[in-house]
PDB file of N, CA and C in Angstrom:
ATOM      1  N   MET A   1       0.831  -1.174   0.000  1.00  0.00           N
ATOM      2  CA  MET A   1       0.000   0.000   0.000  1.00  0.00           C
ATOM      3  C   MET A   1       0.879   1.242   0.000  1.00  0.00           C
ATOM      4  N   ALA A   2       0.483   2.199  -0.777  1.00  0.00           N
ATOM      5  CA  ALA A   2       1.189   3.469  -0.831  1.00  0.00           C
ATOM      6  C   ALA A   2       0.394   4.505  -0.050  1.00  0.00           C
ATOM      7  N   LEU A   3       1.092   5.500   0.483  1.00  0.00           N
ATOM      8  CA  LEU A   3       0.410   6.569   1.205  1.00  0.00           C
ATOM      9  C   LEU A   3       0.208   7.764   0.277  1.00  0.00           C
ATOM     10  N   THR A   4      -0.965   8.382   0.385  1.00  0.00           N
ATOM     11  CA  THR A   4      -1.207   9.603  -0.378  1.00  0.00           C
ATOM     12  C   THR A   4      -0.608  10.764   0.391  1.00  0.00           C
ATOM     13  N   SER A   5      -0.353  11.868  -0.287  1.00  0.00           N
ATOM     14  CA  SER A   5       0.214  13.032   0.394  1.00  0.00           C
ATOM     15  C   SER A   5      -0.876  13.795   1.141  1.00  0.00           C
ATOM     16  N   THR A   6      -0.442  14.582   2.119  1.00  0.00           N
ATOM     17  CA  THR A   6      -1.379  15.403   2.881  1.00  0.00           C
ATOM     18  C   THR A   6      -1.779  16.605   2.026  1.00  0.00           C
ATOM     19  N   VAL A   7      -3.093  16.768   1.859  1.00  0.00           N
ATOM     20  CA  VAL A   7      -3.613  17.864   1.063  1.00  0.00           C
ATOM     21  C   VAL A   7      -4.708  18.554   1.852  1.00  0.00           C
ATOM     22  N   TRP A   8      -4.688  19.871   1.936  1.00  0.00           N
ATOM     23  CA  TRP A   8      -5.708  20.659   2.612  1.00  0.00           C
ATOM     24  C   TRP A   8      -5.942  20.197   4.035  1.00  0.00           C
ATOM     25  N   GLY A   9      -4.889  19.795   4.714  1.00  0.00           N
ATOM     26  CA  GLY A   9      -4.994  19.392   6.102  1.00  0.00           C
ATOM     27  C   GLY A   9      -5.574  18.014   6.328  1.00  0.00           C
ATOM     28  N   ILE A  10      -5.769  17.250   5.257  1.00  0.00           N
ATOM     29  CA  ILE A  10      -6.287  15.899   5.390  1.00  0.00           C
ATOM     30  C   ILE A  10      -5.107  14.954   5.577  1.00  0.00           C
ATOM     31  N   SER A  11      -5.194  14.094   6.569  1.00  0.00           N
ATOM     32  CA  SER A  11      -4.074  13.198   6.839  1.00  0.00           C
ATOM     33  C   SER A  11      -3.973  12.119   5.762  1.00  0.00           C
ATOM     34  N   PRO A  12      -2.787  11.554   5.599  1.00  0.00           N
ATOM     35  CA  PRO A  12      -2.571  10.530   4.578  1.00  0.00           C
ATOM     36  C   PRO A  12      -3.445   9.300   4.809  1.00  0.00           C
ATOM     37  N   THR A  13      -3.832   8.688   3.708  1.00  0.00           N
ATOM     38  CA  THR A  13      -4.593   7.440   3.758  1.00  0.00           C
ATOM     39  C   THR A  13      -3.922   6.421   2.863  1.00  0.00           C
ATOM     40  N   LYS A  14      -4.176   5.175   3.140  1.00  0.00           N
ATOM     41  CA  LYS A  14      -3.602   4.124   2.310  1.00  0.00           C
ATOM     42  C   LYS A  14      -4.440   3.949   1.050  1.00  0.00           C
ATOM     43  N   VAL A  15      -3.769   3.798  -0.072  1.00  0.00           N
ATOM     44  CA  VAL A  15      -4.433   3.500  -1.334  1.00  0.00           C
ATOM     45  C   VAL A  15      -3.776   2.250  -1.910  1.00  0.00           C
ATOM     46  N   PRO A  16      -4.534   1.439  -2.637  1.00  0.00           N
ATOM     47  CA  PRO A  16      -3.942   0.208  -3.179  1.00  0.00           C
ATOM     48  C   PRO A  16      -2.819   0.495  -4.169  1.00  0.00           C
ATOM     49  N   ASP A  17      -1.781  -0.316  -4.137  1.00  0.00           N
ATOM     50  CA  ASP A  17      -0.720  -0.222  -5.127  1.00  0.00           C
ATOM     51  C   ASP A  17      -1.260  -0.698  -6.466  1.00  0.00           C
ATOM     52  N   ALA A  18      -0.651  -0.239  -7.537  1.00  0.00           N
ATOM     53  CA  ALA A  18      -1.074  -0.652  -8.873  1.00  0.00           C
ATOM     54  C   ALA A  18      -0.952  -2.163  -9.045  1.00  0.00           C
ATOM     55  N   ALA A  19       0.006  -2.773  -8.344  1.00  0.00           N
ATOM     56  CA  ALA A  19       0.235  -4.209  -8.480  1.00  0.00           C
ATOM     57  C   ALA A  19      -0.765  -5.050  -7.677  1.00  0.00           C
ATOM     58  N   ALA A  20      -1.538  -4.406  -6.801  1.00  0.00           N
ATOM     59  CA  ALA A  20      -2.482  -5.158  -5.973  1.00  0.00           C
ATOM     60  C   ALA A  20      -3.537  -5.803  -6.864  1.00  0.00           C
ATOM     61  N   GLU A  21      -3.883  -7.036  -6.553  1.00  0.00           N
ATOM     62  CA  GLU A  21      -4.848  -7.777  -7.340  1.00  0.00           C
ATOM     63  C   GLU A  21      -6.195  -7.790  -6.645  1.00  0.00           C
ATOM     64  N   ARG A  22      -7.249  -7.734  -7.437  1.00  0.00           N
ATOM     65  CA  ARG A  22      -8.606  -7.858  -6.921  1.00  0.00           C
ATOM     66  C   ARG A  22      -8.804  -9.300  -6.475  1.00  0.00           C
ATOM     67  N   VAL A  23      -9.413  -9.481  -5.298  1.00  0.00           N
ATOM     68  CA  VAL A  23      -9.684 -10.812  -4.781  1.00  0.00           C
ATOM     69  C   VAL A  23     -11.196 -10.997  -4.702  1.00  0.00           C
ATOM     70  N   ASP A  24     -11.711 -11.952  -5.456  1.00  0.00           N
ATOM     71  CA  ASP A  24     -13.135 -12.271  -5.437  1.00  0.00           C
ATOM     72  C   ASP A  24     -13.373 -13.541  -4.635  1.00  0.00           C
ATOM     73  N   ARG A  25     -14.453 -13.544  -3.884  1.00  0.00           N
ATOM     74  CA  ARG A  25     -14.874 -14.717  -3.109  1.00  0.00           C
ATOM     75  C   ARG A  25     -16.356 -14.952  -3.371  1.00  0.00           C
ATOM     76  N   ARG A  26     -16.766 -16.206  -3.389  1.00  0.00           N
ATOM     77  CA  ARG A  26     -18.163 -16.539  -3.678  1.00  0.00           C
ATOM     78  C   ARG A  26     -19.052 -16.364  -2.448  1.00  0.00           C
ATOM     79  N   ILE A  27     -20.293 -15.940  -2.708  1.00  0.00           N
ATOM     80  CA  ILE A  27     -21.295 -15.825  -1.654  1.00  0.00           C
ATOM     81  C   ILE A  27     -21.787 -17.232  -1.311  1.00  0.00           C
ATOM     82  N   THR A  28     -21.784 -17.563  -0.019  1.00  0.00           N
ATOM     83  CA  THR A  28     -22.244 -18.885   0.425  1.00  0.00           C
ATOM     84  C   THR A  28     -23.576 -18.818   1.162  1.00  0.00           C
ATOM     85  N   GLY A  29     -23.986 -17.638   1.579  1.00  0.00           N
ATOM     86  CA  GLY A  29     -25.249 -17.496   2.293  1.00  0.00           C
ATOM     87  C   GLY A  29     -25.486 -16.055   2.690  1.00  0.00           C
ATOM     88  N   PHE A  30     -26.608 -15.833   3.367  1.00  0.00           N
ATOM     89  CA  PHE A  30     -26.981 -14.486   3.821  1.00  0.00           C
ATOM     90  C   PHE A  30     -27.550 -14.565   5.226  1.00  0.00           C
ATOM     91  N   HIS A  31     -27.420 -13.484   5.956  1.00  0.00           N
ATOM     92  CA  HIS A  31     -28.127 -13.316   7.224  1.00  0.00           C
ATOM     93  C   HIS A  31     -28.391 -11.824   7.413  1.00  0.00           C
ATOM     94  N   GLN A  32     -29.280 -11.506   8.342  1.00  0.00           N
ATOM     95  CA  GLN A  32     -29.562 -10.102   8.635  1.00  0.00           C
ATOM     96  C   GLN A  32     -28.806  -9.681   9.888  1.00  0.00           C
ATOM     97  N   ASP A  33     -28.304  -8.448   9.868  1.00  0.00           N
ATOM     98  CA  ASP A  33     -27.623  -7.910  11.045  1.00  0.00           C
ATOM     99  C   ASP A  33     -28.661  -7.375  12.030  1.00  0.00           C
ATOM    100  N   ASP A  34     -28.190  -6.782  13.112  1.00  0.00           N
ATOM    101  CA  ASP A  34     -29.083  -6.275  14.156  1.00  0.00           C
ATOM    102  C   ASP A  34     -30.028  -5.175  13.672  1.00  0.00           C
ATOM    103  N   LEU A  35     -29.668  -4.497  12.584  1.00  0.00           N
ATOM    104  CA  LEU A  35     -30.502  -3.428  12.045  1.00  0.00           C
ATOM    105  C   LEU A  35     -31.419  -3.898  10.927  1.00  0.00           C
ATOM    106  N   GLY A  36     -31.311  -5.191  10.584  1.00  0.00           N
ATOM    107  CA  GLY A  36     -32.153  -5.745   9.525  1.00  0.00           C
ATOM    108  C   GLY A  36     -31.550  -5.653   8.142  1.00  0.00           C
ATOM    109  N   ASP A  37     -30.299  -5.190   8.037  1.00  0.00           N
ATOM    110  CA  ASP A  37     -29.622  -5.139   6.739  1.00  0.00           C
ATOM    111  C   ASP A  37     -29.099  -6.526   6.391  1.00  0.00           C
ATOM    112  N   TRP A  38     -29.123  -6.858   5.099  1.00  0.00           N
ATOM    113  CA  TRP A  38     -28.649  -8.168   4.657  1.00  0.00           C
ATOM    114  C   TRP A  38     -27.134  -8.181   4.539  1.00  0.00           C
ATOM    115  N   VAL A  39     -26.547  -9.279   4.988  1.00  0.00           N
ATOM    116  CA  VAL A  39     -25.099  -9.464   4.989  1.00  0.00           C
ATOM    117  C   VAL A  39     -24.783 -10.753   4.234  1.00  0.00           C
ATOM    118  N   ALA A  40     -23.910 -10.644   3.233  1.00  0.00           N
ATOM    119  CA  ALA A  40     -23.476 -11.825   2.490  1.00  0.00           C
ATOM    120  C   ALA A  40     -22.366 -12.516   3.268  1.00  0.00           C
ATOM    121  N   GLU A  41     -22.475 -13.833   3.360  1.00  0.00           N
ATOM    122  CA  GLU A  41     -21.421 -14.650   3.968  1.00  0.00           C
ATOM    123  C   GLU A  41     -20.559 -15.171   2.829  1.00  0.00           C
ATOM    124  N   LEU A  42     -19.259 -14.917   2.899  1.00  0.00           N
ATOM    125  CA  LEU A  42     -18.348 -15.281   1.820  1.00  0.00           C
ATOM    126  C   LEU A  42     -17.589 -16.563   2.139  1.00  0.00           C
ATOM    127  N   GLU A  43     -17.144 -17.252   1.109  1.00  0.00           N
ATOM    128  CA  GLU A  43     -16.460 -18.531   1.276  1.00  0.00           C
ATOM    129  C   GLU A  43     -15.179 -18.424   2.094  1.00  0.00           C
ATOM    130  N   CYS A  44     -14.608 -17.233   2.186  1.00  0.00           N
ATOM    131  CA  CYS A  44     -13.379 -17.026   2.952  1.00  0.00           C
ATOM    132  C   CYS A  44     -13.659 -16.845   4.443  1.00  0.00           C
ATOM    133  N   GLY A  45     -14.955 -16.731   4.795  1.00  0.00           N
ATOM    134  CA  GLY A  45     -15.315 -16.509   6.184  1.00  0.00           C
ATOM    135  C   GLY A  45     -15.606 -15.052   6.508  1.00  0.00           C
ATOM    136  N   HIS A  46     -15.260 -14.157   5.591  1.00  0.00           N
ATOM    137  CA  HIS A  46     -15.579 -12.747   5.784  1.00  0.00           C
ATOM    138  C   HIS A  46     -17.045 -12.498   5.447  1.00  0.00           C
ATOM    139  N   GLN A  47     -17.526 -11.312   5.778  1.00  0.00           N
ATOM    140  CA  GLN A  47     -18.907 -10.935   5.520  1.00  0.00           C
ATOM    141  C   GLN A  47     -18.925  -9.570   4.840  1.00  0.00           C
ATOM    142  N   GLN A  48     -19.991  -9.323   4.075  1.00  0.00           N
ATOM    143  CA  GLN A  48     -20.102  -8.046   3.382  1.00  0.00           C
ATOM    144  C   GLN A  48     -21.575  -7.639   3.309  1.00  0.00           C
ATOM    145  N   HIS A  49     -21.874  -6.422   3.749  1.00  0.00           N
ATOM    146  CA  HIS A  49     -23.245  -5.932   3.650  1.00  0.00           C
ATOM    147  C   HIS A  49     -23.660  -5.832   2.186  1.00  0.00           C
ATOM    148  N   MET A  50     -24.903  -6.214   1.925  1.00  0.00           N
ATOM    149  CA  MET A  50     -25.511  -6.086   0.599  1.00  0.00           C
ATOM    150  C   MET A  50     -26.788  -5.276   0.791  1.00  0.00           C
ATOM    151  N   ARG A  51     -26.659  -3.958   0.712  1.00  0.00           N
ATOM    152  CA  ARG A  51     -27.799  -3.079   0.978  1.00  0.00           C
ATOM    153  C   ARG A  51     -28.432  -2.589  -0.325  1.00  0.00           C
ATOM    154  N   HIS A  52     -29.735  -2.416  -0.272  1.00  0.00           N
ATOM    155  CA  HIS A  52     -30.458  -1.775  -1.367  1.00  0.00           C
ATOM    156  C   HIS A  52     -30.851  -0.398  -0.859  1.00  0.00           C
ATOM    157  N   GLN A  53     -30.094   0.628  -1.282  1.00  0.00           N
ATOM    158  CA  GLN A  53     -30.325   1.998  -0.838  1.00  0.00           C
ATOM    159  C   GLN A  53     -30.298   2.938  -2.037  1.00  0.00           C
ATOM    160  N   PRO A  54     -31.381   2.925  -2.831  1.00  0.00           N
ATOM    161  CA  PRO A  54     -31.404   3.805  -4.004  1.00  0.00           C
ATOM    162  C   PRO A  54     -31.272   5.265  -3.576  1.00  0.00           C
ATOM    163  N   PRO A  55     -30.624   6.102  -4.340  1.00  0.00           N
ATOM    164  CA  PRO A  55     -29.991   5.839  -5.631  1.00  0.00           C
ATOM    165  C   PRO A  55     -28.523   5.428  -5.513  1.00  0.00           C
ATOM    166  N   TRP A  56     -28.004   5.274  -4.287  1.00  0.00           N
ATOM    167  CA  TRP A  56     -26.574   4.969  -4.117  1.00  0.00           C
ATOM    168  C   TRP A  56     -26.236   3.510  -4.374  1.00  0.00           C
ATOM    169  N   GLN A  57     -27.012   2.611  -3.845  1.00  0.00           N
ATOM    170  CA  GLN A  57     -26.762   1.182  -4.040  1.00  0.00           C
ATOM    171  C   GLN A  57     -28.039   0.543  -4.559  1.00  0.00           C
ATOM    172  N   MET A  58     -27.972   0.018  -5.770  1.00  0.00           N
ATOM    173  CA  MET A  58     -29.137  -0.589  -6.405  1.00  0.00           C
ATOM    174  C   MET A  58     -29.002  -2.116  -6.362  1.00  0.00           C
ATOM    175  N   ARG A  59     -29.595  -2.699  -5.349  1.00  0.00           N
ATOM    176  CA  ARG A  59     -29.577  -4.161  -5.201  1.00  0.00           C
ATOM    177  C   ARG A  59     -30.975  -4.651  -4.808  1.00  0.00           C
ATOM    178  N   PRO A  60     -31.966  -4.476  -5.669  1.00  0.00           N
ATOM    179  CA  PRO A  60     -33.320  -4.899  -5.319  1.00  0.00           C
ATOM    180  C   PRO A  60     -33.435  -6.401  -5.085  1.00  0.00           C
ATOM    181  N   TRP A  61     -32.505  -7.173  -5.642  1.00  0.00           N
ATOM    182  CA  TRP A  61     -32.533  -8.622  -5.485  1.00  0.00           C
ATOM    183  C   TRP A  61     -32.357  -9.059  -4.031  1.00  0.00           C
ATOM    184  N   VAL A  62     -31.730  -8.223  -3.210  1.00  0.00           N
ATOM    185  CA  VAL A  62     -31.467  -8.600  -1.814  1.00  0.00           C
ATOM    186  C   VAL A  62     -32.752  -8.570  -0.971  1.00  0.00           C
ATOM    187  N   LEU A  63     -33.809  -7.964  -1.477  1.00  0.00           N
ATOM    188  CA  LEU A  63     -35.040  -7.813  -0.715  1.00  0.00           C
ATOM    189  C   LEU A  63     -35.930  -9.056  -0.709  1.00  0.00           C
ATOM    190  N   THR A  64     -35.660 -10.001  -1.609  1.00  0.00           N
ATOM    191  CA  THR A  64     -36.500 -11.204  -1.672  1.00  0.00           C
ATOM    192  C   THR A  64     -35.676 -12.466  -1.445  1.00  0.00           C
ATOM    193  N   THR A  65     -36.344 -13.488  -0.935  1.00  0.00           N
ATOM    194  CA  THR A  65     -35.688 -14.780  -0.732  1.00  0.00           C
ATOM    195  C   THR A  65     -35.169 -15.324  -2.052  1.00  0.00           C
ATOM    196  N   GLU A  66     -35.980 -15.211  -3.102  1.00  0.00           N
ATOM    197  CA  GLU A  66     -35.580 -15.722  -4.422  1.00  0.00           C
ATOM    198  C   GLU A  66     -34.392 -14.943  -4.972  1.00  0.00           C
ATOM    199  N   GLY A  67     -34.386 -13.633  -4.767  1.00  0.00           N
ATOM    200  CA  GLY A  67     -33.281 -12.805  -5.246  1.00  0.00           C
ATOM    201  C   GLY A  67     -31.971 -13.166  -4.571  1.00  0.00           C
ATOM    202  N   ARG A  68     -32.008 -13.303  -3.248  1.00  0.00           N
ATOM    203  CA  ARG A  68     -30.788 -13.687  -2.528  1.00  0.00           C
ATOM    204  C   ARG A  68     -30.331 -15.075  -2.955  1.00  0.00           C
ATOM    205  N   ALA A  69     -31.256 -16.005  -3.104  1.00  0.00           N
ATOM    206  CA  ALA A  69     -30.902 -17.377  -3.514  1.00  0.00           C
ATOM    207  C   ALA A  69     -30.226 -17.379  -4.881  1.00  0.00           C
ATOM    208  N   SER A  70     -30.648 -16.473  -5.760  1.00  0.00           N
ATOM    209  CA  SER A  70     -30.061 -16.433  -7.103  1.00  0.00           C
ATOM    210  C   SER A  70     -28.617 -15.924  -7.096  1.00  0.00           C
ATOM    211  N   PHE A  71     -28.189 -15.302  -6.004  1.00  0.00           N
ATOM    212  CA  PHE A  71     -26.822 -14.789  -5.912  1.00  0.00           C
ATOM    213  C   PHE A  71     -25.880 -15.711  -5.132  1.00  0.00           C
ATOM    214  N   ILE A  72     -26.391 -16.817  -4.602  1.00  0.00           N
ATOM    215  CA  ILE A  72     -25.505 -17.792  -3.953  1.00  0.00           C
ATOM    216  C   ILE A  72     -24.532 -18.313  -5.011  1.00  0.00           C
ATOM    217  N   GLY A  73     -23.253 -18.303  -4.693  1.00  0.00           N
ATOM    218  CA  GLY A  73     -22.224 -18.741  -5.642  1.00  0.00           C
ATOM    219  C   GLY A  73     -21.648 -17.623  -6.486  1.00  0.00           C
ATOM    220  N   THR A  74     -22.218 -16.439  -6.407  1.00  0.00           N
ATOM    221  CA  THR A  74     -21.732 -15.292  -7.178  1.00  0.00           C
ATOM    222  C   THR A  74     -20.457 -14.736  -6.539  1.00  0.00           C
ATOM    223  N   PRO A  75     -19.407 -14.536  -7.327  1.00  0.00           N
ATOM    224  CA  PRO A  75     -18.193 -13.946  -6.764  1.00  0.00           C
ATOM    225  C   PRO A  75     -18.366 -12.442  -6.542  1.00  0.00           C
ATOM    226  N   VAL A  76     -17.904 -11.972  -5.390  1.00  0.00           N
ATOM    227  CA  VAL A  76     -17.880 -10.541  -5.075  1.00  0.00           C
ATOM    228  C   VAL A  76     -16.494 -10.201  -4.543  1.00  0.00           C
ATOM    229  N   ARG A  77     -16.143  -8.954  -4.654  1.00  0.00           N
ATOM    230  CA  ARG A  77     -14.824  -8.500  -4.197  1.00  0.00           C
ATOM    231  C   ARG A  77     -14.755  -8.547  -2.674  1.00  0.00           C
ATOM    232  N   CYS A  78     -13.685  -9.132  -2.145  1.00  0.00           N
ATOM    233  CA  CYS A  78     -13.449  -9.154  -0.700  1.00  0.00           C
ATOM    234  C   CYS A  78     -12.220  -8.302  -0.414  1.00  0.00           C
ATOM    235  N   ARG A  79     -12.459  -7.083   0.017  1.00  0.00           N
ATOM    236  CA  ARG A  79     -11.353  -6.170   0.304  1.00  0.00           C
ATOM    237  C   ARG A  79     -10.547  -6.619   1.522  1.00  0.00           C
ATOM    238  N   LEU A  80     -11.184  -7.342   2.442  1.00  0.00           N
ATOM    239  CA  LEU A  80     -10.433  -7.844   3.600  1.00  0.00           C
ATOM    240  C   LEU A  80      -9.399  -8.873   3.160  1.00  0.00           C
ATOM    241  N   CYS A  81      -9.751  -9.736   2.217  1.00  0.00           N
ATOM    242  CA  CYS A  81      -8.771 -10.700   1.695  1.00  0.00           C
ATOM    243  C   CYS A  81      -7.645  -9.994   0.930  1.00  0.00           C
ATOM    244  N   GLU A  82      -7.976  -8.890   0.281  1.00  0.00           N
ATOM    245  CA  GLU A  82      -6.958  -8.139  -0.456  1.00  0.00           C
ATOM    246  C   GLU A  82      -5.935  -7.502   0.468  1.00  0.00           C
ATOM    247  N   THR A  83      -6.398  -7.078   1.646  1.00  0.00           N
ATOM    248  CA  THR A  83      -5.506  -6.349   2.536  1.00  0.00           C
ATOM    249  C   THR A  83      -4.876  -7.201   3.612  1.00  0.00           C
ATOM    250  N   SER A  84      -5.401  -8.404   3.848  1.00  0.00           N
ATOM    251  CA  SER A  84      -4.816  -9.247   4.895  1.00  0.00           C
ATOM    252  C   SER A  84      -3.689 -10.086   4.308  1.00  0.00           C
ATOM    253  N   SER A  85      -2.711 -10.342   5.141  1.00  0.00           N
ATOM    254  CA  SER A  85      -1.581 -11.153   4.701  1.00  0.00           C
ATOM    255  C   SER A  85      -1.937 -12.619   4.790  1.00  0.00           C
ATOM    256  N   PRO A  86      -1.404 -13.439   3.902  1.00  0.00           N
ATOM    257  CA  PRO A  86      -1.693 -14.873   3.956  1.00  0.00           C
ATOM    258  C   PRO A  86      -1.144 -15.500   5.215  1.00  0.00           C
ATOM    259  N   ASP A  87      -1.861 -16.509   5.719  1.00  0.00           N
ATOM    260  CA  ASP A  87      -1.419 -17.210   6.947  1.00  0.00           C
ATOM    261  C   ASP A  87      -0.281 -18.136   6.638  1.00  0.00           C
TER     262      ASP A  87
END
């Protein structure tokens, strides 16, 4: 990870290196969190919220049992796998 420079008093943040590879993991299931938002369970053991919040996030499929079932096995990006070091 490379650090960005400080601009307008904003502290540096990590940004992915150009050589970093996207890591996709398949969805194995879903559950709802304490607020009722749907969370995808990934094959790596990580979890990722799948919210339908128009106009920012358009995922109407997450609202129905059939829609969620149709996404089981679908690969999605796992940023935690991208940033964690291998065991």
